[in-house]
PDB file of N, CA and C in Angstrom:
ATOM      1  N   MET A   1    -124.072  94.612 114.790  1.00  0.00           N
ATOM      2  CA  MET A   1    -125.403  94.890 115.330  1.00  0.00           C
ATOM      3  C   MET A   1    -126.090  95.933 114.455  1.00  0.00           C
ATOM      4  N   THR A   2    -127.317  95.660 114.079  1.00  0.00           N
ATOM      5  CA  THR A   2    -128.139  96.630 113.363  1.00  0.00           C
ATOM      6  C   THR A   2    -129.318  96.980 114.255  1.00  0.00           C
ATOM      7  N   VAL A   3    -129.548  98.281 114.430  1.00  0.00           N
ATOM      8  CA  VAL A   3    -130.661  98.728 115.246  1.00  0.00           C
ATOM      9  C   VAL A   3    -131.764  99.284 114.353  1.00  0.00           C
ATOM     10  N   GLN A   4    -132.967  99.279 114.874  1.00  0.00           N
ATOM     11  CA  GLN A   4    -134.076  99.940 114.191  1.00  0.00           C
ATOM     12  C   GLN A   4    -134.069 101.390 114.630  1.00  0.00           C
ATOM     13  N   PHE A   5    -134.203 102.279 113.667  1.00  0.00           N
ATOM     14  CA  PHE A   5    -134.150 103.719 113.915  1.00  0.00           C
ATOM     15  C   PHE A   5    -135.441 104.323 113.365  1.00  0.00           C
ATOM     16  N   PHE A   6    -136.436 104.469 114.259  1.00  0.00           N
ATOM     17  CA  PHE A   6    -137.714 105.055 113.870  1.00  0.00           C
ATOM     18  C   PHE A   6    -137.546 106.571 113.895  1.00  0.00           C
ATOM     19  N   GLN A   7    -137.718 107.200 112.727  1.00  0.00           N
ATOM     20  CA  GLN A   7    -137.430 108.628 112.641  1.00  0.00           C
ATOM     21  C   GLN A   7    -138.358 109.324 111.644  1.00  0.00           C
ATOM     22  N   TYR A   8    -138.344 110.632 111.720  1.00  0.00           N
ATOM     23  CA  TYR A   8    -139.062 111.486 110.771  1.00  0.00           C
ATOM     24  C   TYR A   8    -137.982 112.358 110.131  1.00  0.00           C
ATOM     25  N   PRO A   9    -137.753 112.216 108.817  1.00  0.00           N
ATOM     26  CA  PRO A   9    -136.616 112.872 108.170  1.00  0.00           C
ATOM     27  C   PRO A   9    -136.508 114.385 108.379  1.00  0.00           C
ATOM     28  N   LYS A  10    -137.614 115.078 108.548  1.00  0.00           N
ATOM     29  CA  LYS A  10    -137.565 116.538 108.725  1.00  0.00           C
ATOM     30  C   LYS A  10    -137.281 116.954 110.163  1.00  0.00           C
ATOM     31  N   CYS A  11    -137.252 116.005 111.075  1.00  0.00           N
ATOM     32  CA  CYS A  11    -137.043 116.279 112.499  1.00  0.00           C
ATOM     33  C   CYS A  11    -135.563 116.517 112.771  1.00  0.00           C
ATOM     34  N   THR A  12    -135.233 117.682 113.323  1.00  0.00           N
ATOM     35  CA  THR A  12    -133.823 118.000 113.587  1.00  0.00           C
ATOM     36  C   THR A  12    -133.228 117.074 114.650  1.00  0.00           C
ATOM     37  N   THR A  13    -134.015 116.689 115.639  1.00  0.00           N
ATOM     38  CA  THR A  13    -133.527 115.766 116.666  1.00  0.00           C
ATOM     39  C   THR A  13    -133.184 114.413 116.032  1.00  0.00           C
ATOM     40  N   CYS A  14    -134.021 113.973 115.106  1.00  0.00           N
ATOM     41  CA  CYS A  14    -133.763 112.706 114.409  1.00  0.00           C
ATOM     42  C   CYS A  14    -132.483 112.798 113.584  1.00  0.00           C
ATOM     43  N   ARG A  15    -132.280 113.941 112.937  1.00  0.00           N
ATOM     44  CA  ARG A  15    -131.067 114.122 112.127  1.00  0.00           C
ATOM     45  C   ARG A  15    -129.813 114.092 113.010  1.00  0.00           C
ATOM     46  N   LYS A  16    -129.896 114.707 114.194  1.00  0.00           N
ATOM     47  CA  LYS A  16    -128.761 114.668 115.134  1.00  0.00           C
ATOM     48  C   LYS A  16    -128.484 113.232 115.569  1.00  0.00           C
ATOM     49  N   ALA A  17    -129.537 112.490 115.871  1.00  0.00           N
ATOM     50  CA  ALA A  17    -129.383 111.097 116.295  1.00  0.00           C
ATOM     51  C   ALA A  17    -128.787 110.255 115.164  1.00  0.00           C
ATOM     52  N   GLN A  18    -129.252 110.466 113.946  1.00  0.00           N
ATOM     53  CA  GLN A  18    -128.740 109.719 112.801  1.00  0.00           C
ATOM     54  C   GLN A  18    -127.250 110.012 112.596  1.00  0.00           C
ATOM     55  N   LYS A  19    -126.888 111.274 112.717  1.00  0.00           N
ATOM     56  CA  LYS A  19    -125.483 111.668 112.574  1.00  0.00           C
ATOM     57  C   LYS A  19    -124.638 110.959 113.646  1.00  0.00           C
ATOM     58  N   TRP A  20    -125.134 110.922 114.880  1.00  0.00           N
ATOM     59  CA  TRP A  20    -124.413 110.252 115.961  1.00  0.00           C
ATOM     60  C   TRP A  20    -124.221 108.766 115.635  1.00  0.00           C
ATOM     61  N   LEU A  21    -125.290 108.108 115.193  1.00  0.00           N
ATOM     62  CA  LEU A  21    -125.204 106.683 114.857  1.00  0.00           C
ATOM     63  C   LEU A  21    -124.169 106.450 113.749  1.00  0.00           C
ATOM     64  N   GLU A  22    -124.201 107.304 112.723  1.00  0.00           N
ATOM     65  CA  GLU A  22    -123.255 107.166 111.608  1.00  0.00           C
ATOM     66  C   GLU A  22    -121.821 107.394 112.081  1.00  0.00           C
ATOM     67  N   GLU A  23    -121.613 108.432 112.894  1.00  0.00           N
ATOM     68  CA  GLU A  23    -120.264 108.742 113.371  1.00  0.00           C
ATOM     69  C   GLU A  23    -119.691 107.655 114.266  1.00  0.00           C
ATOM     70  N   HIS A  24    -120.551 106.888 114.912  1.00  0.00           N
ATOM     71  CA  HIS A  24    -120.101 105.829 115.811  1.00  0.00           C
ATOM     72  C   HIS A  24    -120.178 104.437 115.170  1.00  0.00           C
ATOM     73  N   GLY A  25    -120.408 104.413 113.864  1.00  0.00           N
ATOM     74  CA  GLY A  25    -120.390 103.150 113.132  1.00  0.00           C
ATOM     75  C   GLY A  25    -121.484 102.178 113.510  1.00  0.00           C
ATOM     76  N   ILE A  26    -122.605 102.707 113.971  1.00  0.00           N
ATOM     77  CA  ILE A  26    -123.741 101.844 114.338  1.00  0.00           C
ATOM     78  C   ILE A  26    -124.587 101.619 113.081  1.00  0.00           C
ATOM     79  N   ASN A  27    -124.738 100.352 112.695  1.00  0.00           N
ATOM     80  CA  ASN A  27    -125.590 100.029 111.552  1.00  0.00           C
ATOM     81  C   ASN A  27    -127.049 100.194 111.968  1.00  0.00           C
ATOM     82  N   PHE A  28    -127.826 100.832 111.125  1.00  0.00           N
ATOM     83  CA  PHE A  28    -129.231 101.016 111.472  1.00  0.00           C
ATOM     84  C   PHE A  28    -130.118 100.880 110.251  1.00  0.00           C
ATOM     85  N   GLU A  29    -131.351 100.482 110.542  1.00  0.00           N
ATOM     86  CA  GLU A  29    -132.406 100.431 109.537  1.00  0.00           C
ATOM     87  C   GLU A  29    -133.287 101.636 109.816  1.00  0.00           C
ATOM     88  N   ALA A  30    -133.261 102.610 108.900  1.00  0.00           N
ATOM     89  CA  ALA A  30    -134.080 103.806 109.083  1.00  0.00           C
ATOM     90  C   ALA A  30    -135.522 103.501 108.700  1.00  0.00           C
ATOM     91  N   ILE A  31    -136.425 103.797 109.621  1.00  0.00           N
ATOM     92  CA  ILE A  31    -137.852 103.546 109.395  1.00  0.00           C
ATOM     93  C   ILE A  31    -138.580 104.876 109.540  1.00  0.00           C
ATOM     94  N   HIS A  32    -139.228 105.302 108.468  1.00  0.00           N
ATOM     95  CA  HIS A  32    -139.990 106.566 108.461  1.00  0.00           C
ATOM     96  C   HIS A  32    -141.228 106.363 109.336  1.00  0.00           C
ATOM     97  N   ILE A  33    -141.257 107.047 110.464  1.00  0.00           N
ATOM     98  CA  ILE A  33    -142.269 106.798 111.488  1.00  0.00           C
ATOM     99  C   ILE A  33    -143.699 107.155 111.050  1.00  0.00           C
ATOM    100  N   VAL A  34    -143.827 108.005 110.019  1.00  0.00           N
ATOM    101  CA  VAL A  34    -145.157 108.366 109.528  1.00  0.00           C
ATOM    102  C   VAL A  34    -145.586 107.413 108.412  1.00  0.00           C
ATOM    103  N   GLU A  35    -144.665 107.095 107.511  1.00  0.00           N
ATOM    104  CA  GLU A  35    -144.994 106.200 106.392  1.00  0.00           C
ATOM    105  C   GLU A  35    -145.091 104.742 106.832  1.00  0.00           C
ATOM    106  N   GLN A  36    -144.318 104.365 107.854  1.00  0.00           N
ATOM    107  CA  GLN A  36    -144.335 102.995 108.379  1.00  0.00           C
ATOM    108  C   GLN A  36    -144.526 103.057 109.893  1.00  0.00           C
ATOM    109  N   THR A  37    -145.667 103.590 110.303  1.00  0.00           N
ATOM    110  CA  THR A  37    -145.946 103.744 111.730  1.00  0.00           C
ATOM    111  C   THR A  37    -145.922 102.372 112.412  1.00  0.00           C
ATOM    112  N   PRO A  38    -145.194 102.261 113.528  1.00  0.00           N
ATOM    113  CA  PRO A  38    -145.161 100.979 114.237  1.00  0.00           C
ATOM    114  C   PRO A  38    -146.573 100.529 114.635  1.00  0.00           C
ATOM    115  N   SER A  39    -146.782  99.221 114.620  1.00  0.00           N
ATOM    116  CA  SER A  39    -148.080  98.664 115.011  1.00  0.00           C
ATOM    117  C   SER A  39    -148.251  98.770 116.525  1.00  0.00           C
ATOM    118  N   THR A  40    -149.462  98.530 116.963  1.00  0.00           N
ATOM    119  CA  THR A  40    -149.755  98.520 118.394  1.00  0.00           C
ATOM    120  C   THR A  40    -148.832  97.531 119.108  1.00  0.00           C
ATOM    121  N   GLU A  41    -148.645  96.344 118.507  1.00  0.00           N
ATOM    122  CA  GLU A  41    -147.802  95.316 119.112  1.00  0.00           C
ATOM    123  C   GLU A  41    -146.340  95.760 119.173  1.00  0.00           C
ATOM    124  N   GLN A  42    -145.840  96.368 118.072  1.00  0.00           N
ATOM    125  CA  GLN A  42    -144.457  96.868 118.065  1.00  0.00           C
ATOM    126  C   GLN A  42    -144.273  97.932 119.146  1.00  0.00           C
ATOM    127  N   LEU A  43    -145.228  98.842 119.225  1.00  0.00           N
ATOM    128  CA  LEU A  43    -145.139  99.911 120.222  1.00  0.00           C
ATOM    129  C   LEU A  43    -145.166  99.362 121.640  1.00  0.00           C
ATOM    130  N   GLU A  44    -145.998  98.355 121.859  1.00  0.00           N
ATOM    131  CA  GLU A  44    -146.062  97.758 123.195  1.00  0.00           C
ATOM    132  C   GLU A  44    -144.718  97.125 123.572  1.00  0.00           C
ATOM    133  N   THR A  45    -144.099  96.438 122.627  1.00  0.00           N
ATOM    134  CA  THR A  45    -142.785  95.831 122.872  1.00  0.00           C
ATOM    135  C   THR A  45    -141.732  96.910 123.144  1.00  0.00           C
ATOM    136  N   LEU A  46    -141.713  97.950 122.315  1.00  0.00           N
ATOM    137  CA  LEU A  46    -140.757  99.050 122.508  1.00  0.00           C
ATOM    138  C   LEU A  46    -140.955  99.685 123.879  1.00  0.00           C
ATOM    139  N   TRP A  47    -142.207  99.933 124.226  1.00  0.00           N
ATOM    140  CA  TRP A  47    -142.528 100.560 125.507  1.00  0.00           C
ATOM    141  C   TRP A  47    -142.062  99.693 126.671  1.00  0.00           C
ATOM    142  N   LYS A  48    -142.403  98.404 126.629  1.00  0.00           N
ATOM    143  CA  LYS A  48    -142.034  97.513 127.743  1.00  0.00           C
ATOM    144  C   LYS A  48    -140.512  97.358 127.848  1.00  0.00           C
ATOM    145  N   ASN A  49    -139.824  97.290 126.701  1.00  0.00           N
ATOM    146  CA  ASN A  49    -138.363  97.166 126.723  1.00  0.00           C
ATOM    147  C   ASN A  49    -137.687  98.450 127.192  1.00  0.00           C
ATOM    148  N   SER A  50    -138.364  99.567 127.029  1.00  0.00           N
ATOM    149  CA  SER A  50    -137.756 100.862 127.392  1.00  0.00           C
ATOM    150  C   SER A  50    -137.733 101.079 128.902  1.00  0.00           C
ATOM    151  N   GLY A  51    -138.720 100.499 129.593  1.00  0.00           N
ATOM    152  CA  GLY A  51    -138.831 100.742 131.027  1.00  0.00           C
ATOM    153  C   GLY A  51    -139.382 102.122 131.358  1.00  0.00           C
ATOM    154  N   LEU A  52    -139.819 102.853 130.353  1.00  0.00           N
ATOM    155  CA  LEU A  52    -140.346 104.210 130.547  1.00  0.00           C
ATOM    156  C   LEU A  52    -141.867 104.185 130.680  1.00  0.00           C
ATOM    157  N   PRO A  53    -142.443 105.223 131.304  1.00  0.00           N
ATOM    158  CA  PRO A  53    -143.902 105.321 131.318  1.00  0.00           C
ATOM    159  C   PRO A  53    -144.417 105.506 129.884  1.00  0.00           C
ATOM    160  N   LEU A  54    -145.563 104.937 129.580  1.00  0.00           N
ATOM    161  CA  LEU A  54    -146.129 105.022 128.229  1.00  0.00           C
ATOM    162  C   LEU A  54    -146.318 106.475 127.789  1.00  0.00           C
ATOM    163  N   LYS A  55    -146.631 107.330 128.724  1.00  0.00           N
ATOM    164  CA  LYS A  55    -146.842 108.756 128.424  1.00  0.00           C
ATOM    165  C   LYS A  55    -145.632 109.369 127.705  1.00  0.00           C
ATOM    166  N   LYS A  56    -144.434 108.868 128.006  1.00  0.00           N
ATOM    167  CA  LYS A  56    -143.198 109.390 127.402  1.00  0.00           C
ATOM    168  C   LYS A  56    -143.138 109.135 125.900  1.00  0.00           C
ATOM    169  N   PHE A  57    -143.930 108.185 125.401  1.00  0.00           N
ATOM    170  CA  PHE A  57    -143.911 107.865 123.972  1.00  0.00           C
ATOM    171  C   PHE A  57    -144.708 108.864 123.132  1.00  0.00           C
ATOM    172  N   PHE A  58    -145.412 109.758 123.791  1.00  0.00           N
ATOM    173  CA  PHE A  58    -146.179 110.767 123.058  1.00  0.00           C
ATOM    174  C   PHE A  58    -145.326 111.990 122.769  1.00  0.00           C
ATOM    175  N   ASN A  59    -145.438 112.499 121.549  1.00  0.00           N
ATOM    176  CA  ASN A  59    -144.750 113.714 121.131  1.00  0.00           C
ATOM    177  C   ASN A  59    -145.564 114.903 121.651  1.00  0.00           C
ATOM    178  N   THR A  60    -145.323 115.265 122.899  1.00  0.00           N
ATOM    179  CA  THR A  60    -146.142 116.285 123.568  1.00  0.00           C
ATOM    180  C   THR A  60    -145.947 117.679 122.998  1.00  0.00           C
ATOM    181  N   SER A  61    -144.889 117.893 122.224  1.00  0.00           N
ATOM    182  CA  SER A  61    -144.699 119.212 121.626  1.00  0.00           C
ATOM    183  C   SER A  61    -145.261 119.279 120.209  1.00  0.00           C
ATOM    184  N   GLY A  62    -145.804 118.163 119.730  1.00  0.00           N
ATOM    185  CA  GLY A  62    -146.334 118.113 118.370  1.00  0.00           C
ATOM    186  C   GLY A  62    -147.704 118.770 118.236  1.00  0.00           C
ATOM    187  N   GLN A  63    -147.967 119.259 117.044  1.00  0.00           N
ATOM    188  CA  GLN A  63    -149.233 119.920 116.737  1.00  0.00           C
ATOM    189  C   GLN A  63    -150.417 118.984 116.923  1.00  0.00           C
ATOM    190  N   LYS A  64    -150.277 117.753 116.473  1.00  0.00           N
ATOM    191  CA  LYS A  64    -151.368 116.773 116.544  1.00  0.00           C
ATOM    192  C   LYS A  64    -151.760 116.504 118.005  1.00  0.00           C
ATOM    193  N   TYR A  65    -150.768 116.376 118.877  1.00  0.00           N
ATOM    194  CA  TYR A  65    -150.998 116.136 120.299  1.00  0.00           C
ATOM    195  C   TYR A  65    -151.832 117.272 120.879  1.00  0.00           C
ATOM    196  N   LYS A  66    -151.460 118.484 120.530  1.00  0.00           N
ATOM    197  CA  LYS A  66    -152.166 119.665 121.045  1.00  0.00           C
ATOM    198  C   LYS A  66    -153.572 119.773 120.455  1.00  0.00           C
ATOM    199  N   THR A  67    -153.691 119.537 119.150  1.00  0.00           N
ATOM    200  CA  THR A  67    -154.990 119.626 118.473  1.00  0.00           C
ATOM    201  C   THR A  67    -155.995 118.638 119.072  1.00  0.00           C
ATOM    202  N   LEU A  68    -155.523 117.449 119.389  1.00  0.00           N
ATOM    203  CA  LEU A  68    -156.414 116.418 119.952  1.00  0.00           C
ATOM    204  C   LEU A  68    -156.664 116.606 121.451  1.00  0.00           C
ATOM    205  N   GLY A  69    -155.992 117.569 122.056  1.00  0.00           N
ATOM    206  CA  GLY A  69    -156.183 117.824 123.492  1.00  0.00           C
ATOM    207  C   GLY A  69    -155.766 116.652 124.368  1.00  0.00           C
ATOM    208  N   LEU A  70    -154.691 115.973 123.969  1.00  0.00           N
ATOM    209  CA  LEU A  70    -154.297 114.753 124.674  1.00  0.00           C
ATOM    210  C   LEU A  70    -153.752 115.002 126.073  1.00  0.00           C
ATOM    211  N   LYS A  71    -153.296 116.195 126.334  1.00  0.00           N
ATOM    212  CA  LYS A  71    -152.774 116.509 127.665  1.00  0.00           C
ATOM    213  C   LYS A  71    -153.803 116.145 128.739  1.00  0.00           C
ATOM    214  N   ASP A  72    -155.063 116.442 128.451  1.00  0.00           N
ATOM    215  CA  ASP A  72    -156.132 116.178 129.417  1.00  0.00           C
ATOM    216  C   ASP A  72    -156.743 114.784 129.265  1.00  0.00           C
ATOM    217  N   LYS A  73    -156.599 114.166 128.091  1.00  0.00           N
ATOM    218  CA  LYS A  73    -157.268 112.890 127.824  1.00  0.00           C
ATOM    219  C   LYS A  73    -156.455 111.654 128.209  1.00  0.00           C
ATOM    220  N   LEU A  74    -155.124 111.749 128.148  1.00  0.00           N
ATOM    221  CA  LEU A  74    -154.292 110.550 128.365  1.00  0.00           C
ATOM    222  C   LEU A  74    -154.544 109.872 129.709  1.00  0.00           C
ATOM    223  N   SER A  75    -154.743 110.655 130.741  1.00  0.00           N
ATOM    224  CA  SER A  75    -154.903 110.080 132.082  1.00  0.00           C
ATOM    225  C   SER A  75    -156.164 109.231 132.208  1.00  0.00           C
ATOM    226  N   THR A  76    -157.142 109.441 131.336  1.00  0.00           N
ATOM    227  CA  THR A  76    -158.385 108.669 131.411  1.00  0.00           C
ATOM    228  C   THR A  76    -158.404 107.499 130.424  1.00  0.00           C
ATOM    229  N   MET A  77    -157.353 107.392 129.606  1.00  0.00           N
ATOM    230  CA  MET A  77    -157.293 106.324 128.602  1.00  0.00           C
ATOM    231  C   MET A  77    -156.565 105.102 129.160  1.00  0.00           C
ATOM    232  N   THR A  78    -156.978 103.929 128.714  1.00  0.00           N
ATOM    233  CA  THR A  78    -156.277 102.706 129.102  1.00  0.00           C
ATOM    234  C   THR A  78    -154.958 102.628 128.322  1.00  0.00           C
ATOM    235  N   GLU A  79    -154.060 101.762 128.765  1.00  0.00           N
ATOM    236  CA  GLU A  79    -152.802 101.572 128.035  1.00  0.00           C
ATOM    237  C   GLU A  79    -153.076 101.096 126.616  1.00  0.00           C
ATOM    238  N   THR A  80    -154.030 100.202 126.453  1.00  0.00           N
ATOM    239  CA  THR A  80    -154.383  99.691 125.124  1.00  0.00           C
ATOM    240  C   THR A  80    -154.865 100.823 124.230  1.00  0.00           C
ATOM    241  N   GLU A  81    -155.729 101.686 124.765  1.00  0.00           N
ATOM    242  CA  GLU A  81    -156.226 102.829 123.977  1.00  0.00           C
ATOM    243  C   GLU A  81    -155.086 103.764 123.592  1.00  0.00           C
ATOM    244  N   GLN A  82    -154.156 103.987 124.517  1.00  0.00           N
ATOM    245  CA  GLN A  82    -153.017 104.860 124.224  1.00  0.00           C
ATOM    246  C   GLN A  82    -152.135 104.251 123.136  1.00  0.00           C
ATOM    247  N   LEU A  83    -151.854 102.952 123.219  1.00  0.00           N
ATOM    248  CA  LEU A  83    -151.045 102.281 122.202  1.00  0.00           C
ATOM    249  C   LEU A  83    -151.731 102.318 120.845  1.00  0.00           C
ATOM    250  N   GLU A  84    -153.042 102.110 120.826  1.00  0.00           N
ATOM    251  CA  GLU A  84    -153.785 102.163 119.555  1.00  0.00           C
ATOM    252  C   GLU A  84    -153.755 103.568 118.963  1.00  0.00           C
ATOM    253  N   LEU A  85    -153.855 104.570 119.817  1.00  0.00           N
ATOM    254  CA  LEU A  85    -153.794 105.956 119.349  1.00  0.00           C
ATOM    255  C   LEU A  85    -152.417 106.253 118.757  1.00  0.00           C
ATOM    256  N   LEU A  86    -151.354 105.842 119.445  1.00  0.00           N
ATOM    257  CA  LEU A  86    -149.995 106.037 118.930  1.00  0.00           C
ATOM    258  C   LEU A  86    -149.820 105.351 117.576  1.00  0.00           C
ATOM    259  N   ALA A  87    -150.332 104.137 117.452  1.00  0.00           N
ATOM    260  CA  ALA A  87    -150.191 103.372 116.211  1.00  0.00           C
ATOM    261  C   ALA A  87    -151.018 103.969 115.071  1.00  0.00           C
ATOM    262  N   SER A  88    -151.970 104.827 115.400  1.00  0.00           N
ATOM    263  CA  SER A  88    -152.837 105.409 114.372  1.00  0.00           C
ATOM    264  C   SER A  88    -152.193 106.577 113.642  1.00  0.00           C
ATOM    265  N   ASP A  89    -151.136 107.164 114.211  1.00  0.00           N
ATOM    266  CA  ASP A  89    -150.524 108.338 113.597  1.00  0.00           C
ATOM    267  C   ASP A  89    -149.088 108.517 114.093  1.00  0.00           C
ATOM    268  N   GLY A  90    -148.137 108.322 113.205  1.00  0.00           N
ATOM    269  CA  GLY A  90    -146.728 108.435 113.564  1.00  0.00           C
ATOM    270  C   GLY A  90    -146.332 109.793 114.113  1.00  0.00           C
ATOM    271  N   MET A  91    -147.094 110.842 113.779  1.00  0.00           N
ATOM    272  CA  MET A  91    -146.764 112.180 114.269  1.00  0.00           C
ATOM    273  C   MET A  91    -147.049 112.322 115.763  1.00  0.00           C
ATOM    274  N   LEU A  92    -147.779 111.382 116.335  1.00  0.00           N
ATOM    275  CA  LEU A  92    -148.052 111.416 117.777  1.00  0.00           C
ATOM    276  C   LEU A  92    -146.913 110.813 118.598  1.00  0.00           C
ATOM    277  N   ILE A  93    -145.998 110.114 117.917  1.00  0.00           N
ATOM    278  CA  ILE A  93    -144.955 109.370 118.615  1.00  0.00           C
ATOM    279  C   ILE A  93    -143.692 110.221 118.775  1.00  0.00           C
ATOM    280  N   LYS A  94    -143.176 110.236 119.994  1.00  0.00           N
ATOM    281  CA  LYS A  94    -141.900 110.918 120.252  1.00  0.00           C
ATOM    282  C   LYS A  94    -140.832 110.198 119.447  1.00  0.00           C
ATOM    283  N   ARG A  95    -139.932 110.976 118.892  1.00  0.00           N
ATOM    284  CA  ARG A  95    -138.909 110.388 118.037  1.00  0.00           C
ATOM    285  C   ARG A  95    -137.562 111.052 118.274  1.00  0.00           C
ATOM    286  N   PRO A  96    -136.515 110.414 117.859  1.00  0.00           N
ATOM    287  CA  PRO A  96    -136.446 109.074 117.289  1.00  0.00           C
ATOM    288  C   PRO A  96    -136.554 107.993 118.370  1.00  0.00           C
ATOM    289  N   ILE A  97    -136.896 106.802 117.904  1.00  0.00           N
ATOM    290  CA  ILE A  97    -136.847 105.619 118.761  1.00  0.00           C
ATOM    291  C   ILE A  97    -135.768 104.723 118.164  1.00  0.00           C
ATOM    292  N   VAL A  98    -134.833 104.288 118.988  1.00  0.00           N
ATOM    293  CA  VAL A  98    -133.785 103.366 118.543  1.00  0.00           C
ATOM    294  C   VAL A  98    -133.901 102.105 119.385  1.00  0.00           C
ATOM    295  N   SER A  99    -133.881 100.952 118.706  1.00  0.00           N
ATOM    296  CA  SER A  99    -134.003  99.685 119.435  1.00  0.00           C
ATOM    297  C   SER A  99    -133.204  98.586 118.747  1.00  0.00           C
ATOM    298  N   ASP A 100    -132.599  97.744 119.568  1.00  0.00           N
ATOM    299  CA  ASP A 100    -131.906  96.560 119.038  1.00  0.00           C
ATOM    300  C   ASP A 100    -132.721  95.297 119.332  1.00  0.00           C
ATOM    301  N   GLY A 101    -133.963  95.472 119.749  1.00  0.00           N
ATOM    302  CA  GLY A 101    -134.811  94.334 120.098  1.00  0.00           C
ATOM    303  C   GLY A 101    -134.893  94.107 121.595  1.00  0.00           C
ATOM    304  N   ASN A 102    -133.907  94.664 122.325  1.00  0.00           N
ATOM    305  CA  ASN A 102    -133.898  94.576 123.781  1.00  0.00           C
ATOM    306  C   ASN A 102    -133.847  95.966 124.401  1.00  0.00           C
ATOM    307  N   LYS A 103    -132.821  96.719 124.042  1.00  0.00           N
ATOM    308  CA  LYS A 103    -132.670  98.079 124.571  1.00  0.00           C
ATOM    309  C   LYS A 103    -133.435  99.056 123.690  1.00  0.00           C
ATOM    310  N   VAL A 104    -133.915 100.116 124.310  1.00  0.00           N
ATOM    311  CA  VAL A 104    -134.675 101.144 123.588  1.00  0.00           C
ATOM    312  C   VAL A 104    -134.267 102.508 124.120  1.00  0.00           C
ATOM    313  N   THR A 105    -134.013 103.449 123.197  1.00  0.00           N
ATOM    314  CA  THR A 105    -133.861 104.849 123.597  1.00  0.00           C
ATOM    315  C   THR A 105    -134.934 105.642 122.888  1.00  0.00           C
ATOM    316  N   LEU A 106    -135.378 106.679 123.555  1.00  0.00           N
ATOM    317  CA  LEU A 106    -136.464 107.507 123.066  1.00  0.00           C
ATOM    318  C   LEU A 106    -135.968 108.943 123.048  1.00  0.00           C
ATOM    319  N   GLY A 107    -136.083 109.602 121.893  1.00  0.00           N
ATOM    320  CA  GLY A 107    -135.536 110.946 121.768  1.00  0.00           C
ATOM    321  C   GLY A 107    -134.032 110.851 121.576  1.00  0.00           C
ATOM    322  N   PHE A 108    -133.334 111.980 121.634  1.00  0.00           N
ATOM    323  CA  PHE A 108    -131.881 111.961 121.483  1.00  0.00           C
ATOM    324  C   PHE A 108    -131.220 112.817 122.543  1.00  0.00           C
ATOM    325  N   LYS A 109    -130.482 112.128 123.405  1.00  0.00           N
ATOM    326  CA  LYS A 109    -129.605 112.780 124.376  1.00  0.00           C
ATOM    327  C   LYS A 109    -128.274 112.073 124.229  1.00  0.00           C
ATOM    328  N   GLU A 110    -127.242 112.837 123.845  1.00  0.00           N
ATOM    329  CA  GLU A 110    -125.950 112.228 123.545  1.00  0.00           C
ATOM    330  C   GLU A 110    -125.411 111.345 124.675  1.00  0.00           C
ATOM    331  N   PRO A 111    -125.470 111.775 125.949  1.00  0.00           N
ATOM    332  CA  PRO A 111    -124.960 110.892 127.019  1.00  0.00           C
ATOM    333  C   PRO A 111    -125.697 109.552 127.077  1.00  0.00           C
ATOM    334  N   GLU A 112    -126.997 109.582 126.829  1.00  0.00           N
ATOM    335  CA  GLU A 112    -127.775 108.339 126.841  1.00  0.00           C
ATOM    336  C   GLU A 112    -127.374 107.450 125.667  1.00  0.00           C
ATOM    337  N   PHE A 113    -127.153 108.038 124.492  1.00  0.00           N
ATOM    338  CA  PHE A 113    -126.697 107.267 123.337  1.00  0.00           C
ATOM    339  C   PHE A 113    -125.313 106.690 123.606  1.00  0.00           C
ATOM    340  N   ASP A 114    -124.426 107.500 124.203  1.00  0.00           N
ATOM    341  CA  ASP A 114    -123.070 107.022 124.539  1.00  0.00           C
ATOM    342  C   ASP A 114    -123.168 105.786 125.436  1.00  0.00           C
ATOM    343  N   GLU A 115    -124.019 105.844 126.426  1.00  0.00           N
ATOM    344  CA  GLU A 115    -124.151 104.756 127.391  1.00  0.00           C
ATOM    345  C   GLU A 115    -124.813 103.524 126.784  1.00  0.00           C
ATOM    346  N   THR A 116    -125.822 103.742 125.951  1.00  0.00           N
ATOM    347  CA  THR A 116    -126.619 102.627 125.438  1.00  0.00           C
ATOM    348  C   THR A 116    -126.059 102.001 124.169  1.00  0.00           C
ATOM    349  N   TRP A 117    -125.576 102.815 123.244  1.00  0.00           N
ATOM    350  CA  TRP A 117    -125.254 102.312 121.906  1.00  0.00           C
ATOM    351  C   TRP A 117    -123.768 102.241 121.555  1.00  0.00           C
ATOM    352  N   LYS A 118    -122.877 102.766 122.392  1.00  0.00           N
ATOM    353  CA  LYS A 118    -121.438 102.698 122.060  1.00  0.00           C
ATOM    354  C   LYS A 118    -120.903 101.301 122.234  1.00  0.00           C
TER     355      LYS A 118
END
């Protein structure tokens, strides 16, 4: 099994997740989330497969999120507008995202990785 691993190389959380995947022998395709930002369609599929609220896909601790004042704007945006905004800038997306086409994990929590990817 090869999973898609959407990551930002300078992100410490992404590095921890990558180390976990390597240590557990999980084959992955590393995708630089800023250089190859997922399309609106890819993000919609990831979101729907994750079962999480769309709001969780935003990197709420990121500078870009704060600069754009998204904390107050997201609630008034449609899902389509939110997906288009995410697809416009990889720095807005919470990372890493790992997906095998069906299952999706967002961020890195070792117990969740153990349960989903082992």
